[in-house]
C-alpha atoms as a PDB file:
ATOM      1  CA  UNK A   1     -91.117 -40.953-162.164  1.00  0.00           C
ATOM      2  CA  UNK A   2     -91.092 -44.682-161.441  1.00  0.00           C
ATOM      3  CA  UNK A   3     -88.197 -44.359-158.989  1.00  0.00           C
ATOM      4  CA  UNK A   4     -90.044 -41.531-157.218  1.00  0.00           C
ATOM      5  CA  UNK A   5     -93.161 -43.681-156.818  1.00  0.00           C
ATOM      6  CA  UNK A   6     -91.001 -46.575-155.646  1.00  0.00           C
ATOM      7  CA  UNK A   7     -89.446 -44.396-152.919  1.00  0.00           C
ATOM      8  CA  UNK A   8     -92.872 -43.238-151.756  1.00  0.00           C
ATOM      9  CA  UNK A   9     -94.142 -46.809-151.705  1.00  0.00           C
ATOM     10  CA  UNK A  10     -91.152 -47.968-149.643  1.00  0.00           C
ATOM     11  CA  UNK A  11     -91.592 -45.105-147.192  1.00  0.00           C
ATOM     12  CA  UNK A  12     -95.270 -45.961-146.810  1.00  0.00           C
ATOM     13  CA  UNK A  13     -94.429 -49.637-146.215  1.00  0.00           C
ATOM     14  CA  UNK A  14     -91.847 -48.700-143.595  1.00  0.00           C
ATOM     15  CA  UNK A  15     -94.400 -46.451-141.894  1.00  0.00           C
ATOM     16  CA  UNK A  16     -96.995 -49.248-141.808  1.00  0.00           C
ATOM     17  CA  UNK A  17     -94.374 -51.582-140.335  1.00  0.00           C
ATOM     18  CA  UNK A  18     -93.632 -49.029-137.627  1.00  0.00           C
ATOM     19  CA  UNK A  19     -90.074 -48.382-138.805  1.00  0.00           C
ATOM     20  CA  UNK A  20     -90.638 -44.730-139.735  1.00  0.00           C
ATOM     21  CA  UNK A  21     -92.715 -42.044-138.105  1.00  0.00           C
ATOM     22  CA  UNK A  22     -96.231 -41.863-139.485  1.00  0.00           C
ATOM     23  CA  UNK A  23     -97.299 -38.355-138.506  1.00  0.00           C
ATOM     24  CA  UNK A  24     -95.864 -37.097-141.812  1.00  0.00           C
ATOM     25  CA  UNK A  25     -96.956 -38.338-145.217  1.00  0.00           C
ATOM     26  CA  UNK A  26     -94.462 -40.201-147.395  1.00  0.00           C
ATOM     27  CA  UNK A  27     -94.100 -37.171-149.681  1.00  0.00           C
ATOM     28  CA  UNK A  28     -93.455 -34.899-146.683  1.00  0.00           C
ATOM     29  CA  UNK A  29     -90.728 -37.222-145.432  1.00  0.00           C
ATOM     30  CA  UNK A  30     -89.150 -37.608-148.862  1.00  0.00           C
ATOM     31  CA  UNK A  31     -89.166 -33.859-149.511  1.00  0.00           C
ATOM     32  CA  UNK A  32     -87.656 -33.177-146.091  1.00  0.00           C
ATOM     33  CA  UNK A  33     -84.892 -35.749-146.535  1.00  0.00           C
ATOM     34  CA  UNK A  34     -84.078 -34.359-149.978  1.00  0.00           C
ATOM     35  CA  UNK A  35     -83.952 -30.824-148.570  1.00  0.00           C
ATOM     36  CA  UNK A  36     -81.561 -31.924-145.836  1.00  0.00           C
ATOM     37  CA  UNK A  37     -79.404 -33.737-148.376  1.00  0.00           C
ATOM     38  CA  UNK A  38     -79.065 -30.512-150.390  1.00  0.00           C
ATOM     39  CA  UNK A  39     -78.215 -28.330-147.385  1.00  0.00           C
ATOM     40  CA  UNK A  40     -74.534 -27.898-148.175  1.00  0.00           C
ATOM     41  CA  UNK A  41     -75.123 -27.402-151.911  1.00  0.00           C
ATOM     42  CA  UNK A  42     -77.368 -24.371-151.527  1.00  0.00           C
ATOM     43  CA  UNK A  43     -75.305 -22.091-149.291  1.00  0.00           C
ATOM     44  CA  UNK A  44     -75.817 -18.362-149.232  1.00  0.00           C
ATOM     45  CA  UNK A  45     -72.745 -16.349-150.276  1.00  0.00           C
ATOM     46  CA  UNK A  46     -72.167 -15.421-146.637  1.00  0.00           C
ATOM     47  CA  UNK A  47     -72.149 -19.048-145.518  1.00  0.00           C
ATOM     48  CA  UNK A  48     -69.997 -20.098-148.451  1.00  0.00           C
ATOM     49  CA  UNK A  49     -67.309 -17.682-147.231  1.00  0.00           C
ATOM     50  CA  UNK A  50     -67.382 -19.183-143.725  1.00  0.00           C
ATOM     51  CA  UNK A  51     -65.067 -21.931-142.580  1.00  0.00           C
ATOM     52  CA  UNK A  52     -67.109 -25.021-143.387  1.00  0.00           C
ATOM     53  CA  UNK A  53     -66.871 -28.350-141.582  1.00  0.00           C
ATOM     54  CA  UNK A  54     -65.085 -31.178-143.360  1.00  0.00           C
ATOM     55  CA  UNK A  55     -67.017 -33.196-145.920  1.00  0.00           C
ATOM     56  CA  UNK A  56     -67.058 -36.092-143.457  1.00  0.00           C
ATOM     57  CA  UNK A  57     -68.559 -33.920-140.723  1.00  0.00           C
ATOM     58  CA  UNK A  58     -71.138 -32.436-143.114  1.00  0.00           C
ATOM     59  CA  UNK A  59     -72.193 -35.944-144.123  1.00  0.00           C
ATOM     60  CA  UNK A  60     -72.419 -37.054-140.487  1.00  0.00           C
ATOM     61  CA  UNK A  61     -74.516 -33.998-139.647  1.00  0.00           C
ATOM     62  CA  UNK A  62     -76.974 -34.664-142.449  1.00  0.00           C
ATOM     63  CA  UNK A  63     -77.216 -38.350-141.565  1.00  0.00           C
ATOM     64  CA  UNK A  64     -77.939 -37.550-137.920  1.00  0.00           C
ATOM     65  CA  UNK A  65     -80.578 -34.992-138.867  1.00  0.00           C
ATOM     66  CA  UNK A  66     -82.267 -37.446-141.240  1.00  0.00           C
ATOM     67  CA  UNK A  67     -82.217 -40.106-138.522  1.00  0.00           C
ATOM     68  CA  UNK A  68     -83.919 -37.697-136.135  1.00  0.00           C
ATOM     69  CA  UNK A  69     -86.443 -36.632-138.772  1.00  0.00           C
ATOM     70  CA  UNK A  70     -87.627 -40.112-139.606  1.00  0.00           C
ATOM     71  CA  UNK A  71     -87.606 -41.540-136.063  1.00  0.00           C
END
């Protein structure tokens, strides 16, 4: 619980400093980033049978999407 509160506090500080978007609350940003991070772990059976990108490409995709989300 303490680490969760610490993350929210850091997000809020970054928002106040103008480093993160402020139209979403800290909890909305944190939940969205966590959801993106879990994208490749929660595949439907159909997607799991598809040819998936490399682990490197999956990581790059998530990082780019997080960057866009928080900007």
